[in-house]
Each structure stands twice: as C-alpha cells, then as structure tokens.
Amino acid sequence: METESARRGLSFQGWLTLAAGVAIVAVILIWVPASRWFAAISIPIGAIFAGIFYLWHKYKPVKPEDVDKRPLKLT
C-alpha cells in the first residue's frame, strides 16, 4: 500500500540517500585534490552540453515520422 509521503514526492529514505550521496561527494572533493580538478572541468562542460542539447531539441523537436528511422536497423 502506498503511503502519503510516497505519493507527494521524495520519501524520507530518498532524502537520506540524497544527503548521503552529497556528503560522500563533498568528502571526496575535500580529501582528493585531483577530484577537485576533475569536478571543476567536467561540471561546466556537462552544463554546456546539456544547454546545447536542451536548446537543440527545443527548436528542432523530433517529429513522429523520424522516430522509426533507425540507421542500423536495430530493434
């Protein structure tokens, strides 16, 4: 049976998991100097590509007739 908190969004367990993940990343960024450089380089690059893909698909949406075009004929 579904609880009220599960229907409203992220459950308590979900929040704890998110907090633990953020804490682990913070500890790694503090203790491992190479991870700071990796994060400093990869996060902006990822944000730039995400923005490019967002704008691309916003102004050039996928048409229904293009969905079945599979160049490798994979199913």
Protein backbone atom coordinates (compact mmCIF):
# COMPACT_ATOMS: atom_id res chain seq x y z
CA MET A 1 0.00 0.00 0.00
CA GLU A 2 1.32 3.42 -0.99
CA THR A 3 1.96 5.89 1.81
CA GLU A 4 1.04 9.56 1.70
CA SER A 5 4.70 10.68 1.65
CA ALA A 6 5.49 8.40 -1.28
CA ARG A 7 2.70 9.96 -3.31
CA ARG A 8 3.80 13.52 -2.55
CA GLY A 9 7.33 13.11 -3.87
CA LEU A 10 10.67 12.08 -2.46
CA SER A 11 10.31 9.90 0.63
CA PHE A 12 12.29 10.23 3.85
CA GLN A 13 14.54 7.38 2.75
CA GLY A 14 15.08 9.15 -0.57
CA TRP A 15 16.12 12.33 1.20
CA LEU A 16 18.56 10.39 3.38
CA THR A 17 20.07 8.73 0.33
CA LEU A 18 20.43 12.08 -1.41
CA ALA A 19 22.06 13.62 1.67
CA ALA A 20 24.46 10.67 1.99
CA GLY A 21 25.42 10.98 -1.68
CA VAL A 22 26.06 14.71 -1.37
CA ALA A 23 28.13 14.13 1.77
CA ILE A 24 30.25 11.46 0.07
CA VAL A 25 30.92 13.72 -2.91
CA ALA A 26 31.82 16.61 -0.59
CA VAL A 27 34.26 14.44 1.38
CA ILE A 28 35.91 13.18 -1.80
CA LEU A 29 36.21 16.72 -3.17
CA ILE A 30 37.83 17.88 0.08
CA TRP A 31 40.25 14.98 0.57
CA VAL A 32 41.29 14.16 -3.00
CA PRO A 33 42.86 17.12 -4.81
CA ALA A 34 42.62 15.50 -8.25
CA SER A 35 38.86 15.19 -7.87
CA ARG A 36 38.61 18.96 -7.44
CA TRP A 37 40.20 19.49 -10.85
CA PHE A 38 38.03 16.81 -12.40
CA ALA A 39 34.85 18.39 -10.99
CA ALA A 40 35.99 21.91 -11.92
CA ILE A 41 36.47 20.84 -15.53
CA SER A 42 33.73 18.25 -16.07
CA ILE A 43 30.77 20.03 -14.42
CA PRO A 44 30.95 23.16 -16.63
CA ILE A 45 31.49 21.03 -19.75
CA GLY A 46 28.48 18.90 -18.83
CA ALA A 47 26.35 22.00 -18.20
CA ILE A 48 27.34 23.47 -21.57
CA PHE A 49 26.44 20.28 -23.43
CA ALA A 50 23.17 19.95 -21.50
CA GLY A 51 22.27 23.51 -22.52
CA ILE A 52 23.17 22.84 -26.14
CA PHE A 53 21.06 19.68 -26.26
CA TYR A 54 18.16 21.41 -24.49
CA LEU A 55 18.13 24.28 -26.98
CA TRP A 56 18.62 21.94 -29.94
CA HIS A 57 15.60 19.81 -29.04
CA LYS A 58 13.55 22.86 -28.06
CA TYR A 59 13.90 24.45 -31.50
CA LYS A 60 14.23 21.24 -33.56
CA PRO A 61 11.88 18.73 -31.92
CA VAL A 62 11.81 15.12 -33.03
CA LYS A 63 9.00 14.57 -35.49
CA PRO A 64 6.83 11.46 -35.21
CA GLU A 65 7.83 10.34 -38.71
CA ASP A 66 11.52 10.43 -37.72
CA VAL A 67 11.07 8.08 -34.77
CA ASP A 68 11.16 4.90 -36.89
CA LYS A 69 14.27 5.88 -38.85
CA ARG A 70 16.90 3.52 -37.48
CA PRO A 71 20.14 3.72 -39.45
CA LEU A 72 21.48 0.43 -38.08
CA LYS A 73 18.10 -1.31 -38.27
CA LEU A 74 18.35 -2.31 -34.62
CA THR A 75 15.18 -3.28 -32.83
